Amino acid sequence: MKTNTYTLVLVTALLMCGVFITLPSTRQRASAASLWYVAPGGNDSNDCLSPGTACATITAALDKAASGDTVILMPGTYSEASGEVFPINMKPGIHLLGSGRETTTISG
């Protein structure tokens, strides 16, 4: 009887350790939110991950973004003339942040 109890306690302890060991690795797989940049004069082939490698259109940045990400619009005008496609289809959970009412214009 003692052997069965000892085995049960040992197996339970090992299983609990296994659960605690796997929990941190699950958290590590969650990705951090990304920032995506858009600027007039950018290029939609860029990675859009910095002002220097910004996309040209809001649409291109939104295509790369995922829920929780933020698309940052650098100062300028975003219109069909600059290559923007309207209507702009926002994905759920993505934040769109302009550089200011006076400096960022979406004209569609």
Protein backbone atom coordinates (compact mmCIF):
# COMPACT_ATOMS: atom_id res chain seq x y z
CA MET A 1 0.00 0.00 0.00
CA LYS A 2 2.87 2.38 0.84
CA THR A 3 4.41 1.77 -2.61
CA ASN A 4 1.15 2.70 -4.37
CA THR A 5 0.78 5.86 -2.29
CA TYR A 6 4.41 6.80 -2.90
CA THR A 7 3.99 6.20 -6.65
CA LEU A 8 0.78 8.25 -6.75
CA VAL A 9 2.42 11.16 -4.91
CA LEU A 10 5.50 10.99 -7.16
CA VAL A 11 3.47 10.89 -10.38
CA THR A 12 1.24 13.76 -9.15
CA ALA A 13 4.30 15.84 -8.25
CA LEU A 14 5.92 15.20 -11.63
CA LEU A 15 2.74 16.12 -13.47
CA MET A 16 2.43 19.34 -11.50
CA CYS A 17 6.05 20.21 -12.28
CA GLY A 18 5.37 19.54 -15.93
CA VAL A 19 2.46 21.96 -15.89
CA PHE A 20 4.54 24.69 -14.27
CA ILE A 21 7.41 24.10 -16.68
CA THR A 22 5.18 24.42 -19.76
CA LEU A 23 3.31 27.55 -18.62
CA PRO A 24 6.23 29.97 -19.13
CA SER A 25 6.95 28.63 -22.61
CA THR A 26 3.31 29.24 -23.55
CA ARG A 27 3.64 32.86 -22.47
CA GLN A 28 6.84 33.30 -24.45
CA ARG A 29 5.03 32.37 -27.67
CA ALA A 30 2.69 35.35 -27.36
CA SER A 31 4.05 38.05 -29.61
CA ALA A 32 4.40 41.65 -28.60
CA ALA A 33 2.34 44.26 -30.38
CA SER A 34 4.11 45.78 -33.39
CA LEU A 35 4.30 49.32 -34.69
CA TRP A 36 3.85 49.82 -38.43
CA TYR A 37 4.78 53.10 -40.11
CA VAL A 38 3.23 54.82 -43.12
CA ALA A 39 4.69 57.89 -44.81
CA PRO A 40 4.17 59.74 -48.07
CA GLY A 41 7.15 58.73 -50.16
CA GLY A 42 7.36 55.35 -48.41
CA ASN A 43 7.25 52.08 -50.31
CA ASP A 44 4.66 49.34 -49.84
CA SER A 45 7.41 46.77 -50.44
CA ASN A 46 9.23 47.96 -47.30
CA ASP A 47 8.87 46.11 -43.98
CA CYS A 48 7.11 49.22 -42.53
CA LEU A 49 8.72 48.64 -39.11
CA SER A 50 10.42 52.04 -38.82
CA PRO A 51 9.95 55.57 -40.17
CA GLY A 52 12.89 54.95 -42.53
CA THR A 53 11.27 51.82 -43.98
CA ALA A 54 7.67 53.05 -43.95
CA CYS A 55 4.90 51.83 -46.25
CA ALA A 56 3.45 54.32 -48.73
CA THR A 57 -0.19 53.43 -48.01
CA ILE A 58 -2.31 52.80 -44.96
CA THR A 59 -3.76 49.75 -46.73
CA ALA A 60 -0.33 48.08 -47.07
CA ALA A 61 0.46 48.62 -43.39
CA LEU A 62 -2.95 47.28 -42.35
CA ASP A 63 -2.33 44.18 -44.47
CA LYS A 64 0.83 43.50 -42.45
CA ALA A 65 -0.67 44.34 -39.04
CA ALA A 66 -2.44 42.01 -36.62
CA SER A 67 -4.79 42.58 -33.71
CA GLY A 68 -3.10 44.62 -31.00
CA ASP A 69 -0.73 46.37 -33.43
CA THR A 70 -0.60 50.12 -34.10
CA VAL A 71 -0.28 51.75 -37.53
CA ILE A 72 1.39 55.15 -37.23
CA LEU A 73 0.76 57.73 -39.95
CA MET A 74 3.68 60.08 -40.44
CA PRO A 75 2.80 63.69 -41.41
CA GLY A 76 1.37 64.06 -44.90
CA THR A 77 -1.70 63.56 -47.05
CA TYR A 78 -3.01 60.08 -47.81
CA SER A 79 -5.24 60.02 -50.88
CA GLU A 80 -5.91 58.10 -54.10
CA ALA A 81 -3.29 60.32 -55.74
CA SER A 82 -0.69 58.98 -53.29
CA GLY A 83 -1.74 55.39 -54.00
CA GLU A 84 -4.22 54.85 -51.16
CA VAL A 85 -7.16 52.52 -51.78
CA PHE A 86 -10.59 53.51 -50.46
CA PRO A 87 -12.51 52.49 -48.53
CA ILE A 88 -9.82 51.65 -46.00
CA ASN A 89 -10.79 48.36 -44.36
CA MET A 90 -9.74 48.35 -40.71
CA LYS A 91 -9.11 44.99 -39.06
CA PRO A 92 -10.46 44.45 -35.55
CA GLY A 93 -8.03 45.35 -32.77
CA ILE A 94 -5.66 47.49 -34.85
CA HIS A 95 -5.02 51.07 -33.73
CA LEU A 96 -4.53 53.85 -36.29
CA LEU A 97 -2.57 56.82 -34.97
CA GLY A 98 -1.99 60.01 -36.95
CA SER A 99 0.74 62.56 -36.29
CA GLY A 100 -1.80 65.27 -35.57
CA ARG A 101 -4.87 66.92 -37.03
CA GLU A 102 -2.81 69.74 -38.52
CA THR A 103 -0.18 67.48 -40.14
CA THR A 104 -1.94 64.25 -41.14
CA THR A 105 -4.78 64.20 -43.70
CA ILE A 106 -6.72 61.25 -45.08
CA SER A 107 -8.55 62.43 -48.19
CA GLY A 108 -10.77 59.81 -49.76
